[in-house]
């Protein structure tokens, strides 16, 4: 894993620790988050941090990154998780700037049953944080 770009290493540190301070340091002010559950892109650091923090609470206990591909400014991280007995398989698409801060974070999830469970749990988590 030593050949990982700094932004990817930083994301893995966030995912493992669920440390919001690390997340804040990783996100660019103009970052855009795209979710399979929300039609419109979520723009800005505060909104992106809210969604990612919630996702780490929901997925965190069973989140496993199983593969990844990257170049100098983007990466695809394949993951699996188990949400209350429902299998979730997906990818995180990361893009970063010259300062190694994330400017784009897109999540894609399958199968539909896994997406439905993720949406249900995310809705609940976001409501608890509001």
C-alpha atoms as a PDB file:
ATOM      1  CA  UNK A   1       0.000   0.000   0.000  1.00  0.00           C
ATOM      2  CA  UNK A   2       3.007   2.320   0.098  1.00  0.00           C
ATOM      3  CA  UNK A   3       2.520   3.188  -3.579  1.00  0.00           C
ATOM      4  CA  UNK A   4      -0.874   4.737  -2.809  1.00  0.00           C
ATOM      5  CA  UNK A   5      -1.230   8.432  -3.604  1.00  0.00           C
ATOM      6  CA  UNK A   6      -1.291  10.619  -0.469  1.00  0.00           C
ATOM      7  CA  UNK A   7      -5.010  11.405  -0.857  1.00  0.00           C
ATOM      8  CA  UNK A   8      -5.870   7.691  -0.980  1.00  0.00           C
ATOM      9  CA  UNK A   9      -3.724   6.968   2.080  1.00  0.00           C
ATOM     10  CA  UNK A  10      -5.443   9.840   3.863  1.00  0.00           C
ATOM     11  CA  UNK A  11      -8.909   8.534   2.957  1.00  0.00           C
ATOM     12  CA  UNK A  12      -8.023   5.065   4.258  1.00  0.00           C
ATOM     13  CA  UNK A  13      -6.837   6.678   7.518  1.00  0.00           C
ATOM     14  CA  UNK A  14     -10.184   8.491   7.790  1.00  0.00           C
ATOM     15  CA  UNK A  15     -12.159   5.318   7.042  1.00  0.00           C
ATOM     16  CA  UNK A  16     -10.219   3.291   9.604  1.00  0.00           C
ATOM     17  CA  UNK A  17     -10.251   5.879  12.380  1.00  0.00           C
ATOM     18  CA  UNK A  18     -13.529   7.663  11.583  1.00  0.00           C
ATOM     19  CA  UNK A  19     -11.724  10.786  12.814  1.00  0.00           C
ATOM     20  CA  UNK A  20     -13.629  13.893  11.701  1.00  0.00           C
ATOM     21  CA  UNK A  21     -10.530  16.077  12.098  1.00  0.00           C
ATOM     22  CA  UNK A  22      -8.706  13.934   9.528  1.00  0.00           C
ATOM     23  CA  UNK A  23     -11.717  14.159   7.234  1.00  0.00           C
ATOM     24  CA  UNK A  24     -11.837  17.940   7.540  1.00  0.00           C
ATOM     25  CA  UNK A  25      -8.140  18.173   6.625  1.00  0.00           C
ATOM     26  CA  UNK A  26      -8.647  15.939   3.569  1.00  0.00           C
ATOM     27  CA  UNK A  27     -11.552  17.805   1.959  1.00  0.00           C
ATOM     28  CA  UNK A  28     -11.089  20.824  -0.298  1.00  0.00           C
ATOM     29  CA  UNK A  29     -13.470  23.716   0.350  1.00  0.00           C
ATOM     30  CA  UNK A  30     -15.109  23.205  -3.059  1.00  0.00           C
ATOM     31  CA  UNK A  31     -15.451  19.394  -2.840  1.00  0.00           C
ATOM     32  CA  UNK A  32     -18.502  17.828  -4.500  1.00  0.00           C
ATOM     33  CA  UNK A  33     -20.127  14.670  -3.141  1.00  0.00           C
ATOM     34  CA  UNK A  34     -22.312  12.488  -5.353  1.00  0.00           C
ATOM     35  CA  UNK A  35     -24.466   9.807  -3.777  1.00  0.00           C
ATOM     36  CA  UNK A  36     -26.530   7.045  -5.348  1.00  0.00           C
ATOM     37  CA  UNK A  37     -29.334   8.030  -2.995  1.00  0.00           C
ATOM     38  CA  UNK A  38     -29.463  11.789  -3.658  1.00  0.00           C
ATOM     39  CA  UNK A  39     -30.183  13.218  -7.103  1.00  0.00           C
ATOM     40  CA  UNK A  40     -28.309  16.513  -6.847  1.00  0.00           C
ATOM     41  CA  UNK A  41     -24.574  16.773  -6.176  1.00  0.00           C
ATOM     42  CA  UNK A  42     -23.846  17.927  -2.630  1.00  0.00           C
ATOM     43  CA  UNK A  43     -21.431  20.846  -2.857  1.00  0.00           C
ATOM     44  CA  UNK A  44     -19.013  22.139  -0.268  1.00  0.00           C
ATOM     45  CA  UNK A  45     -16.868  20.878   2.546  1.00  0.00           C
ATOM     46  CA  UNK A  46     -19.450  21.001   5.349  1.00  0.00           C
ATOM     47  CA  UNK A  47     -22.134  19.073   3.461  1.00  0.00           C
ATOM     48  CA  UNK A  48     -19.669  16.507   2.116  1.00  0.00           C
ATOM     49  CA  UNK A  49     -18.190  15.981   5.576  1.00  0.00           C
ATOM     50  CA  UNK A  50     -21.686  15.432   6.979  1.00  0.00           C
ATOM     51  CA  UNK A  51     -22.517  12.752   4.413  1.00  0.00           C
ATOM     52  CA  UNK A  52     -19.148  11.000   4.652  1.00  0.00           C
ATOM     53  CA  UNK A  53     -19.160  11.049   8.462  1.00  0.00           C
ATOM     54  CA  UNK A  54     -22.633   9.514   8.466  1.00  0.00           C
ATOM     55  CA  UNK A  55     -21.602   6.912   5.908  1.00  0.00           C
ATOM     56  CA  UNK A  56     -18.646   5.910   8.054  1.00  0.00           C
ATOM     57  CA  UNK A  57     -20.960   5.399  11.033  1.00  0.00           C
ATOM     58  CA  UNK A  58     -23.376   3.310   8.947  1.00  0.00           C
ATOM     59  CA  UNK A  59     -20.798   1.330   6.941  1.00  0.00           C
ATOM     60  CA  UNK A  60     -17.825   1.543   9.272  1.00  0.00           C
ATOM     61  CA  UNK A  61     -18.250  -1.607  11.335  1.00  0.00           C
ATOM     62  CA  UNK A  62     -18.270  -3.885   8.283  1.00  0.00           C
ATOM     63  CA  UNK A  63     -16.651  -1.741   5.556  1.00  0.00           C
ATOM     64  CA  UNK A  64     -13.885  -3.600   3.707  1.00  0.00           C
ATOM     65  CA  UNK A  65     -11.944  -2.144   0.807  1.00  0.00           C
ATOM     66  CA  UNK A  66     -11.126  -5.078  -1.448  1.00  0.00           C
ATOM     67  CA  UNK A  67      -9.437  -3.511  -4.470  1.00  0.00           C
ATOM     68  CA  UNK A  68      -8.283  -0.199  -5.864  1.00  0.00           C
ATOM     69  CA  UNK A  69      -6.987   1.494  -8.976  1.00  0.00           C
ATOM     70  CA  UNK A  70      -5.446   4.937  -9.141  1.00  0.00           C
ATOM     71  CA  UNK A  71      -3.524   7.407 -11.247  1.00  0.00           C
ATOM     72  CA  UNK A  72      -1.992  10.759 -10.342  1.00  0.00           C
ATOM     73  CA  UNK A  73      -5.278  12.550  -9.532  1.00  0.00           C
ATOM     74  CA  UNK A  74      -8.033   9.973  -9.137  1.00  0.00           C
ATOM     75  CA  UNK A  75      -8.808   6.557  -7.702  1.00  0.00           C
ATOM     76  CA  UNK A  76     -11.474   3.869  -7.708  1.00  0.00           C
ATOM     77  CA  UNK A  77     -11.819   2.029  -4.391  1.00  0.00           C
ATOM     78  CA  UNK A  78     -13.963  -1.109  -4.460  1.00  0.00           C
ATOM     79  CA  UNK A  79     -15.666  -2.019  -1.192  1.00  0.00           C
ATOM     80  CA  UNK A  80     -18.022  -4.474   0.475  1.00  0.00           C
ATOM     81  CA  UNK A  81     -20.098  -4.186   3.601  1.00  0.00           C
ATOM     82  CA  UNK A  82     -22.828  -6.028   5.472  1.00  0.00           C
ATOM     83  CA  UNK A  83     -25.726  -3.907   6.678  1.00  0.00           C
ATOM     84  CA  UNK A  84     -28.004  -5.866   8.970  1.00  0.00           C
ATOM     85  CA  UNK A  85     -27.469  -9.004   6.896  1.00  0.00           C
ATOM     86  CA  UNK A  86     -27.792  -7.216   3.545  1.00  0.00           C
ATOM     87  CA  UNK A  87     -24.768  -7.380   1.233  1.00  0.00           C
ATOM     88  CA  UNK A  88     -23.503  -4.080  -0.173  1.00  0.00           C
ATOM     89  CA  UNK A  89     -20.947  -3.878  -2.967  1.00  0.00           C
ATOM     90  CA  UNK A  90     -19.749  -0.575  -4.325  1.00  0.00           C
ATOM     91  CA  UNK A  91     -17.062   1.784  -5.450  1.00  0.00           C
ATOM     92  CA  UNK A  92     -15.853   5.130  -4.222  1.00  0.00           C
ATOM     93  CA  UNK A  93     -14.551   7.385  -6.987  1.00  0.00           C
ATOM     94  CA  UNK A  94     -12.088   9.905  -5.571  1.00  0.00           C
ATOM     95  CA  UNK A  95     -10.580  12.934  -7.307  1.00  0.00           C
ATOM     96  CA  UNK A  96      -8.072  15.282  -5.699  1.00  0.00           C
ATOM     97  CA  UNK A  97      -6.217  18.493  -6.448  1.00  0.00           C
ATOM     98  CA  UNK A  98      -2.517  19.381  -6.444  1.00  0.00           C
ATOM     99  CA  UNK A  99      -2.661  19.828  -2.636  1.00  0.00           C
ATOM    100  CA  UNK A 100      -3.939  16.217  -2.265  1.00  0.00           C
ATOM    101  CA  UNK A 101      -7.306  17.429  -1.009  1.00  0.00           C
ATOM    102  CA  UNK A 102     -10.418  15.689  -2.265  1.00  0.00           C
ATOM    103  CA  UNK A 103     -12.402  17.732  -4.788  1.00  0.00           C
ATOM    104  CA  UNK A 104     -14.759  14.941  -5.828  1.00  0.00           C
ATOM    105  CA  UNK A 105     -16.198  11.919  -4.044  1.00  0.00           C
ATOM    106  CA  UNK A 106     -18.748   9.752  -5.864  1.00  0.00           C
ATOM    107  CA  UNK A 107     -20.305   6.608  -4.427  1.00  0.00           C
ATOM    108  CA  UNK A 108     -21.917   3.852  -6.492  1.00  0.00           C
ATOM    109  CA  UNK A 109     -23.631   0.901  -4.794  1.00  0.00           C
ATOM    110  CA  UNK A 110     -25.242  -2.383  -5.832  1.00  0.00           C
ATOM    111  CA  UNK A 111     -27.327  -4.523  -5.610  1.00  0.00           C
ATOM    112  CA  UNK A 112     -30.608  -2.627  -5.312  1.00  0.00           C
ATOM    113  CA  UNK A 113     -31.411  -4.320  -1.999  1.00  0.00           C
ATOM    114  CA  UNK A 114     -28.054  -3.138  -0.632  1.00  0.00           C
ATOM    115  CA  UNK A 115     -28.691   0.391  -1.875  1.00  0.00           C
ATOM    116  CA  UNK A 116     -32.144   0.413  -0.292  1.00  0.00           C
ATOM    117  CA  UNK A 117     -30.724  -0.704   3.059  1.00  0.00           C
ATOM    118  CA  UNK A 118     -27.948   1.882   2.831  1.00  0.00           C
ATOM    119  CA  UNK A 119     -30.457   4.654   2.071  1.00  0.00           C
ATOM    120  CA  UNK A 120     -32.635   3.586   5.010  1.00  0.00           C
ATOM    121  CA  UNK A 121     -29.731   3.576   7.461  1.00  0.00           C
ATOM    122  CA  UNK A 122     -28.220   6.805   6.100  1.00  0.00           C
ATOM    123  CA  UNK A 123     -31.572   8.584   6.379  1.00  0.00           C
ATOM    124  CA  UNK A 124     -31.810   7.468  10.009  1.00  0.00           C
ATOM    125  CA  UNK A 125     -28.204   8.490  10.799  1.00  0.00           C
ATOM    126  CA  UNK A 126     -28.551  11.916   9.157  1.00  0.00           C
ATOM    127  CA  UNK A 127     -31.799  12.545  11.076  1.00  0.00           C
ATOM    128  CA  UNK A 128     -30.073  11.676  14.374  1.00  0.00           C
ATOM    129  CA  UNK A 129     -27.308  14.185  13.617  1.00  0.00           C
ATOM    130  CA  UNK A 130     -29.703  17.009  12.691  1.00  0.00           C
END
